Amino acid sequence: MAGIIERMREDIRSVLERDPAAYSPLQIALTYPGIQAVWMHRIANSLWRADMRLLAMMVARLSRWLTGIEIHPAAQIGRRLFIDHGMGVVIGETAEIGSDVTIYHGVTLGGVSLAHGKRHPTLEDGVVVGAGAKVLGAITIGSCTRIGANAVVVKDVEANMVVVGIPGKPVAREGKPIDVRHPDLEHGKLPDVLSERLDRVLDRLDRIDGTLAALTEGERDLMVAELRFAEPDYAI
């Protein structure tokens, strides 16, 4: 019993560290659905492992009704998981979550296969999953990686990366590595992968235009002729 109480205190301390809106342990225990869902999942998971699966599913169903967070009783969850806000979070049966992970509302840790066995993601320690993100399949997200809001991740991601876009594009994090116990919550610092690529394309087009402008009329005519000669003949 003492161990259970200590784990609950540990959960509350982790929320106080990660949410500036939290101001007291009692407030967190009574009004934070993410904490309540984690606590109820521990009960459901214990029942599941004791082969009392129908009762475990009933506890999980009650938790979903009370909190808006759906966690399968068989999912493996580490210490100090913080589900912030939490409405619409779905965590599948074979999902595995390490310690000090932060998940925001609307996140899905889902499967992409009907086969039995491992089909849901593994989140290593210190991962942060932004609002609305979807992490799908039996993939592994490396420790201290931050997944941007609404990203769709379907492939493994190395540790200490930032993932954005659909499908998710991992980008190496700049600066010092993130400490597992102090996750990266800087949601406003996400790389704009698409804009960066468009900028490179436009820069290349500008350089081509500059090169063409520097050519003489004869050189341009010769280049056009060579391009026409190089075009494939699709005539039948």
Foldseek 3Di string as FASTA:
>chain_A
DVVLVVLLVQLLVLCVQPPVVDDDSVCCVPPFLQSVLVSLLVVLLVCVVVVVNVVSVVSQVVSCVVRLAHERSQEAEEGNEAEGSAHQEHHDNDEYEYYLEYEYYQEYQEFDDPDDDQGTDYEYFQEYEEANEYEYTHEYEAHLEYEAHNEYEDYHHYYQWYWDDVPTDTDHDDDDGDDRSNHDPPNVDHDPVVVVVVVVVVVVVVVVVVVLVPDDPVVNVVVVVVVVVPDDDPDD
